[in-house]
Protein backbone atom coordinates (compact mmCIF):
# COMPACT_ATOMS: atom_id res chain seq x y z
CA MET A 1 223.10 45.18 -44.62
CA SER A 2 219.69 45.24 -45.31
CA PHE A 3 217.45 42.27 -47.38
CA PHE A 4 213.85 43.54 -46.28
CA LYS A 5 213.23 46.50 -47.71
CA GLY A 6 210.30 48.93 -46.80
CA LYS A 7 207.70 49.70 -43.92
CA PHE A 8 205.87 46.44 -41.90
CA SER A 9 203.37 45.26 -43.35
CA CYS A 10 202.76 41.98 -42.14
CA HIS A 11 200.94 42.51 -38.87
CA ALA A 12 197.49 42.65 -37.87
CA PRO A 13 196.50 44.73 -35.40
CA LEU A 14 198.10 43.82 -31.60
CA ALA A 15 195.81 41.10 -30.29
CA ASP A 16 194.08 40.24 -27.28
CA ALA A 17 196.35 40.17 -24.04
CA SER A 18 194.40 36.84 -23.78
CA CYS A 19 196.20 34.68 -27.41
CA ARG A 20 198.98 33.22 -26.80
CA ALA A 21 202.69 35.53 -26.98
CA LYS A 22 204.41 33.48 -30.05
CA LYS A 23 207.62 32.14 -28.94
CA VAL A 24 211.39 32.86 -29.90
CA ALA A 25 213.95 30.07 -29.59
CA LEU A 26 218.13 31.21 -29.23
CA VAL A 27 219.82 27.81 -30.17
CA GLY A 28 223.33 28.21 -30.87
CA ASN A 29 226.75 27.06 -29.19
CA PRO A 30 228.37 28.38 -25.98
CA ASN A 31 229.57 31.97 -26.58
CA VAL A 32 228.35 33.18 -30.13
CA GLY A 33 226.44 36.23 -28.56
CA LYS A 34 223.38 34.34 -27.37
CA SER A 35 222.73 36.42 -24.49
CA VAL A 36 223.83 39.52 -25.40
CA LEU A 37 220.90 38.63 -28.40
CA PHE A 38 218.63 38.09 -25.46
CA ASN A 39 219.23 40.74 -23.35
CA ALA A 40 219.20 43.20 -26.53
CA LEU A 41 215.63 42.26 -27.18
CA THR A 42 214.31 41.65 -24.10
CA GLY A 43 215.66 44.36 -22.21
CA ALA A 44 216.34 44.44 -18.19
CA TYR A 45 212.98 42.39 -17.07
CA VAL A 46 213.98 38.55 -17.15
CA THR A 47 212.87 35.27 -15.53
CA VAL A 48 215.53 32.62 -14.73
CA SER A 49 215.02 29.83 -13.75
CA ASN A 50 215.71 26.11 -13.81
CA TYR A 51 213.90 23.83 -16.39
CA PRO A 52 212.64 21.56 -14.57
CA GLY A 53 213.83 18.28 -13.51
CA THR A 54 217.16 19.93 -13.60
CA SER A 55 219.29 22.40 -12.21
CA VAL A 56 220.08 24.13 -16.01
CA GLU A 57 219.56 27.77 -15.44
CA VAL A 58 216.71 29.05 -18.70
CA ALA A 59 215.82 33.01 -19.34
CA ARG A 60 213.17 33.88 -20.58
CA GLY A 61 211.92 37.27 -21.40
CA THR A 62 209.23 39.47 -23.28
CA ALA A 63 209.65 41.14 -26.24
CA VAL A 64 206.84 43.51 -28.06
CA ILE A 65 207.80 44.45 -32.20
CA LYS A 66 205.38 46.24 -33.76
CA ARG A 67 202.50 45.83 -31.33
CA GLU A 68 202.85 42.07 -30.93
CA SER A 69 204.10 40.16 -27.73
CA PHE A 70 206.93 37.60 -28.26
CA GLU A 71 208.51 35.26 -24.94
CA ILE A 72 211.82 34.59 -26.02
CA ILE A 73 213.69 32.01 -24.56
CA ASP A 74 217.38 31.48 -24.32
CA THR A 75 218.66 27.91 -24.22
CA PRO A 76 221.39 26.27 -22.69
CA GLY A 77 224.55 26.56 -25.60
CA MET A 78 224.32 23.07 -28.06
CA TYR A 79 226.41 21.35 -30.49
CA SER A 80 223.86 19.04 -32.04
CA LEU A 81 220.27 18.22 -31.64
CA LEU A 82 221.64 14.74 -30.49
CA PRO A 83 222.49 15.97 -26.53
CA ILE A 84 226.16 15.20 -24.64
CA THR A 85 225.43 17.18 -21.66
CA GLU A 86 222.85 18.07 -19.53
CA GLU A 87 222.62 21.39 -21.14
CA GLU A 88 222.50 19.75 -24.20
CA ARG A 89 218.85 17.65 -23.66
CA VAL A 90 217.66 21.22 -21.98
CA ALA A 91 218.05 22.74 -24.93
CA ARG A 92 216.47 20.14 -27.35
CA ARG A 93 213.70 19.51 -24.78
CA ILE A 94 212.97 23.48 -25.11
CA LEU A 95 212.75 23.05 -28.90
CA LEU A 96 210.84 19.74 -28.68
CA ASN A 97 208.04 20.42 -25.38
CA ASP A 98 207.99 24.41 -26.23
CA SER A 99 207.28 24.17 -29.63
CA PRO A 100 208.79 27.45 -31.13
CA ASP A 101 207.14 29.38 -33.46
CA VAL A 102 210.78 31.40 -34.56
CA VAL A 103 213.69 29.04 -33.77
CA ILE A 104 217.40 31.35 -34.19
CA HIS A 105 220.48 30.09 -34.77
CA VAL A 106 223.42 32.17 -33.89
CA VAL A 107 226.71 31.57 -35.24
CA ASP A 108 229.96 32.72 -34.84
CA ALA A 109 231.13 34.12 -38.31
CA ARG A 110 234.50 33.16 -37.84
CA ASN A 111 233.77 29.49 -37.14
CA LEU A 112 230.78 29.25 -40.08
CA GLU A 113 231.33 26.08 -40.97
CA ARG A 114 231.89 24.55 -38.45
CA MET A 115 228.63 25.91 -36.93
CA LEU A 116 226.38 25.22 -39.99
CA THR A 117 226.32 21.31 -39.80
CA MET A 118 224.01 22.57 -36.52
CA THR A 119 221.72 25.06 -39.38
CA ILE A 120 221.33 21.96 -40.83
CA GLN A 121 220.01 19.56 -38.49
CA LEU A 122 217.92 22.18 -37.79
CA ILE A 123 216.60 22.49 -41.13
CA GLU A 124 216.08 18.96 -41.69
CA ALA A 125 214.70 18.87 -38.26
CA GLY A 126 211.06 20.57 -39.87
CA LEU A 127 211.94 23.89 -37.72
CA PRO A 128 210.99 27.49 -38.47
CA VAL A 129 214.41 28.66 -38.20
CA PHE A 130 216.44 31.70 -39.56
CA LEU A 131 220.32 32.11 -38.81
CA VAL A 132 221.92 34.86 -37.55
CA VAL A 133 225.78 35.47 -38.59
CA ASN A 134 226.68 37.13 -35.72
CA ILE A 135 230.32 38.48 -35.08
CA MET A 136 230.40 39.71 -38.32
CA ASP A 137 233.34 42.44 -37.16
CA GLU A 138 235.34 40.34 -35.66
CA ALA A 139 235.34 37.96 -38.81
CA GLU A 140 235.47 41.43 -40.70
CA ARG A 141 238.94 42.88 -38.81
CA LEU A 142 240.03 38.93 -39.51
CA GLY A 143 239.64 39.64 -43.75
CA ILE A 144 236.90 37.07 -43.80
CA ASN A 145 233.95 38.43 -46.29
CA ILE A 146 231.02 36.41 -45.73
CA GLU A 147 227.98 36.57 -49.03
CA ILE A 148 224.99 36.56 -46.96
CA PRO A 149 222.44 36.76 -49.69
CA LEU A 150 224.11 33.90 -51.28
CA LEU A 151 224.32 31.50 -48.11
CA GLU A 152 220.30 32.54 -47.96
CA LYS A 153 219.34 31.29 -51.07
CA ARG A 154 221.65 27.97 -50.91
CA LEU A 155 219.66 27.45 -47.75
CA GLY A 156 216.21 28.31 -48.30
CA ILE A 157 215.79 30.42 -45.15
CA PRO A 158 216.49 33.98 -44.03
CA VAL A 159 220.05 34.76 -43.15
CA VAL A 160 220.93 37.72 -41.29
CA GLY A 161 224.69 39.16 -40.36
CA ALA A 162 225.01 41.04 -37.59
CA ALA A 163 227.67 42.41 -34.77
CA VAL A 164 224.74 42.36 -31.97
CA ALA A 165 226.95 43.87 -29.48
CA ARG A 166 227.41 46.81 -31.69
CA LYS A 167 223.56 46.79 -32.36
CA ARG A 168 224.08 46.06 -36.16
CA GLY A 169 221.62 43.75 -37.64
CA LEU A 170 219.35 44.02 -34.80
CA SER A 171 216.61 45.79 -37.12
CA GLU A 172 217.14 42.77 -39.91
CA ILE A 173 216.74 40.24 -36.48
CA LEU A 174 213.57 42.25 -35.61
CA GLU A 175 211.90 42.13 -38.77
CA ASN A 176 212.58 38.21 -39.87
CA ILE A 177 211.44 37.83 -35.98
CA ALA A 178 207.73 40.01 -36.23
CA CYS A 179 207.19 38.86 -40.13
CA PHE A 180 208.47 35.19 -40.06
CA THR A 181 206.85 33.03 -42.71
CA GLN A 182 207.74 29.13 -42.60
CA ALA A 183 208.80 28.42 -46.42
CA ASN A 184 209.49 24.61 -47.94
CA HIS A 185 213.03 24.66 -47.65
CA THR A 186 215.26 22.02 -49.87
CA VAL A 187 216.76 19.59 -47.27
CA PRO A 188 220.01 18.80 -47.95
CA ASP A 189 220.15 15.42 -49.39
CA TYR A 190 223.03 12.50 -47.70
CA SER A 191 224.49 10.28 -49.64
CA ARG A 192 222.52 7.14 -51.55
CA TRP A 193 223.04 4.31 -48.72
CA LEU A 194 222.52 6.84 -46.07
CA GLU A 195 219.29 8.26 -47.12
CA SER A 196 218.27 4.36 -48.11
CA ASP A 197 219.10 4.02 -44.25
CA ILE A 198 216.85 6.57 -43.33
CA ALA A 199 214.07 6.14 -45.95
CA GLU A 200 213.72 2.49 -44.14
CA ILE A 201 213.54 3.72 -40.98
CA THR A 202 210.30 6.97 -41.64
CA GLU A 203 208.09 4.11 -43.51
CA LEU A 204 207.58 2.33 -40.44
CA LEU A 205 207.13 5.13 -38.27
CA ARG A 206 203.10 5.81 -37.78
CA SER A 207 202.96 8.91 -34.98
CA ARG A 208 203.95 12.57 -35.74
CA PHE A 209 207.04 14.54 -33.45
CA SER A 210 207.84 18.00 -33.35
CA LEU A 211 210.79 16.97 -35.33
CA SER A 212 210.71 15.47 -38.68
CA PRO A 213 210.75 12.15 -39.52
CA LYS A 214 213.89 12.20 -41.26
CA ALA A 215 215.35 13.94 -37.82
CA ILE A 216 213.83 11.71 -35.94
CA ALA A 217 215.15 8.52 -37.66
CA LEU A 218 218.88 10.00 -37.82
CA LEU A 219 218.55 10.04 -34.09
CA LEU A 220 217.36 6.66 -33.50
CA LEU A 221 220.37 5.49 -35.80
CA GLN A 222 222.68 7.56 -33.24
CA ARG A 223 220.90 5.32 -30.19
CA ASP A 224 219.52 8.35 -28.55
CA GLN A 225 217.91 7.31 -26.04
CA GLU A 226 215.44 9.66 -25.16
CA ILE A 227 214.45 9.56 -28.34
CA THR A 228 214.00 5.78 -28.66
CA ASP A 229 211.78 6.11 -25.39
CA LEU A 230 209.48 8.98 -27.11
CA VAL A 231 209.06 6.92 -30.22
CA ARG A 232 208.74 3.34 -28.34
CA THR A 233 205.46 5.16 -26.60
CA ALA A 234 204.16 6.82 -29.88
CA GLU A 235 204.38 3.81 -31.81
CA GLY A 236 203.19 1.18 -29.11
CA GLU A 237 203.44 -2.00 -30.56
CA SER A 238 204.32 -1.24 -34.32
CA PHE A 239 207.62 -0.17 -32.08
CA ALA A 240 209.16 -3.98 -32.64
CA ALA A 241 209.49 -3.31 -36.82
CA VAL A 242 211.39 0.11 -35.88
CA GLU A 243 213.37 -1.41 -33.04
CA ALA A 244 214.33 -4.83 -35.30
CA LYS A 245 215.25 -1.86 -38.33
CA LEU A 246 217.42 0.06 -35.77
CA ARG A 247 219.22 -3.06 -34.70
CA GLU A 248 219.55 -4.47 -38.77
CA LYS A 249 221.08 -0.86 -39.79
CA THR A 250 223.75 -0.51 -36.72
CA TYR A 251 224.34 -3.73 -36.75
CA ALA A 252 225.30 -2.93 -40.70
CA ARG A 253 227.32 0.51 -39.98
CA ARG A 254 228.43 -0.42 -36.57
CA GLY A 255 231.36 1.63 -35.66
CA SER A 256 231.26 3.98 -38.22
CA PHE A 257 228.04 5.36 -38.31
CA HIS A 258 228.98 8.75 -35.66
CA LEU A 259 231.88 9.14 -37.99
CA ASP A 260 230.01 8.35 -41.65
CA LEU A 261 227.15 10.97 -40.79
CA SER A 262 229.58 14.00 -39.39
CA LEU A 263 231.79 13.57 -42.83
CA GLU A 264 228.81 14.35 -44.88
CA ARG A 265 227.73 16.71 -42.72
CA ARG A 266 230.60 18.45 -43.47
CA ARG A 267 230.51 17.89 -47.19
CA ILE A 268 227.22 19.33 -47.33
CA ALA A 269 228.67 22.67 -45.19
CA GLU A 270 231.65 23.19 -47.34
CA LYS A 271 229.38 22.59 -50.84
CA LEU A 272 227.02 25.91 -48.77
CA LEU A 273 229.51 27.81 -48.27
CA GLU A 274 231.60 27.85 -51.99
CA GLY A 275 231.61 30.67 -52.83
CA VAL A 276 230.27 32.17 -49.82
CA PHE A 277 232.58 32.15 -47.01
CA ARG A 278 236.06 32.94 -48.10
CA ALA A 279 239.01 34.43 -45.78
CA PRO A 280 242.48 35.37 -46.69
CA ASP A 281 245.52 32.86 -47.29
CA LYS A 282 247.15 33.55 -44.60
CA ARG A 283 244.91 34.86 -40.96
CA LYS A 284 246.21 38.07 -40.16
CA VAL A 285 246.94 38.44 -36.79
CA THR A 286 245.76 41.10 -34.06
CA LEU A 287 247.69 42.91 -31.23
CA SER A 288 244.79 40.60 -28.85
CA ASP A 289 246.23 37.79 -30.21
CA LYS A 290 249.95 38.55 -30.09
CA LEU A 291 248.83 39.60 -26.82
CA SER A 292 247.57 36.09 -25.87
CA ARG A 293 250.46 34.09 -27.63
CA TRP A 294 252.71 36.16 -25.26
CA ALA A 295 250.53 35.56 -22.51
CA VAL A 296 251.09 31.47 -22.60
CA GLN A 297 254.51 31.63 -23.12
CA PRO A 298 256.88 30.93 -19.96
CA LEU A 299 259.66 34.20 -20.68
CA THR A 300 256.93 37.40 -22.38
CA GLY A 301 253.99 35.71 -19.57
CA ALA A 302 256.69 36.44 -17.14
CA LEU A 303 257.15 39.40 -18.58
CA LEU A 304 253.56 40.88 -19.00
CA LEU A 305 252.60 39.41 -15.61
CA SER A 306 255.43 42.00 -14.23
CA ILE A 307 253.88 45.14 -15.82
CA VAL A 308 250.46 44.32 -14.39
CA LEU A 309 252.07 43.93 -11.60
CA TYR A 310 254.12 46.96 -11.80
CA TYR A 311 251.41 49.54 -13.17
CA GLY A 312 248.76 48.20 -12.28
CA LEU A 313 249.01 47.79 -9.05
CA TYR A 314 252.19 49.34 -7.49
CA GLN A 315 252.06 52.10 -9.70
CA PHE A 316 248.55 52.73 -10.61
CA VAL A 317 247.23 51.29 -7.02
CA GLY A 318 250.03 52.10 -4.65
CA VAL A 319 251.01 55.31 -5.70
CA PHE A 320 248.84 56.56 -7.90
CA GLY A 321 245.34 55.82 -5.51
CA ALA A 322 246.80 55.62 -2.63
CA GLY A 323 249.36 58.45 -2.59
CA THR A 324 247.81 61.03 -5.24
CA MET A 325 244.38 60.27 -5.16
CA VAL A 326 244.22 60.85 -1.62
CA LYS A 327 246.23 63.55 -0.86
CA PHE A 328 244.84 65.38 -3.56
CA LEU A 329 241.09 64.58 -2.05
CA GLU A 330 242.27 65.26 1.87
CA GLY A 331 244.25 68.02 1.30
CA THR A 332 243.05 70.05 -1.83
CA VAL A 333 238.98 68.82 -1.28
CA PHE A 334 238.71 68.77 2.07
CA GLU A 335 241.22 70.68 3.94
CA GLY A 336 241.53 73.63 1.20
CA HIS A 337 237.01 73.57 0.30
CA PHE A 338 234.84 71.32 1.84
CA ASN A 339 236.02 71.76 5.96
CA PRO A 340 236.47 75.25 5.58
CA TRP A 341 232.95 75.25 3.89
CA ILE A 342 231.06 73.03 6.35
CA THR A 343 232.63 74.74 9.41
CA GLY A 344 230.92 78.14 8.16
CA VAL A 345 227.32 76.59 7.53
CA VAL A 346 227.63 74.94 10.67
CA ARG A 347 229.06 78.19 13.17
CA ASP A 348 226.12 80.13 10.75
CA VAL A 349 223.52 77.67 11.84
CA ILE A 350 224.65 77.74 15.20
């Protein structure tokens, strides 16, 4: 469904080639369709290389949308702005260091509530984000209904429902990239005690960062070493006051801060999805679900394996491939048609 009607009118003429192409970063959990979207935007001509100082591969390509050039970056999978794996660290460094003009958060429509917590983090970080709710076709097949316009209104950012593998929603994604303008969206509020802790940290920060002061404060409270080193370098001598306040707050919330923050974000996501995400009381079981369940059971799994081996290997490869097809090619095609023809051609030439 389309929420951006009419012709493009948000562009100036094609910029001079010397101007920097705008950067578009694709972020999200693994297996949500980021790479499919990346390929749809860039085509075949891409560059894949290790991110400097790591063995993590990052793909970059170029898309020309309405005569304007964009650099598309397919970041490694990440679950949060607080990295755990090397892939997540690289993805966040791209957000911090590459300063993308547009950040496309790709999520799986079937697991929207779980993935929306990262959307909340991207919004509160002040990044130029819009949301692509992908794999809508699979969600609809399971009886899930998502009110995209209502979700867009509540988040205050563009939201596109898509099934990129089927090209559904792709034109709307292109429109959002081409016409994206970062708005002053509403940042979700946490509980009073958490907002108070964040405010006390942000008041001590004097430097400007790629992420918002609120996001920086939360990462500091979560003891993110990379962000701590970044802030220490930027703040210089004044970091001592920040460090003292952090010690005070982390001691007061010791053992429960990460859990409390996770529950807060989940509460916000649940509230945002009220009336937006509707799933049937009884989940629709598809044939693929049944096959997956049968495959992991000892009895039915062995039966399925036997069927695959018999019909897939013995009958198809052995009987049909090595028997029927070989007999047809040797007897009918070569002996009956090709050999007499090529023999006649050679005889005429000689």
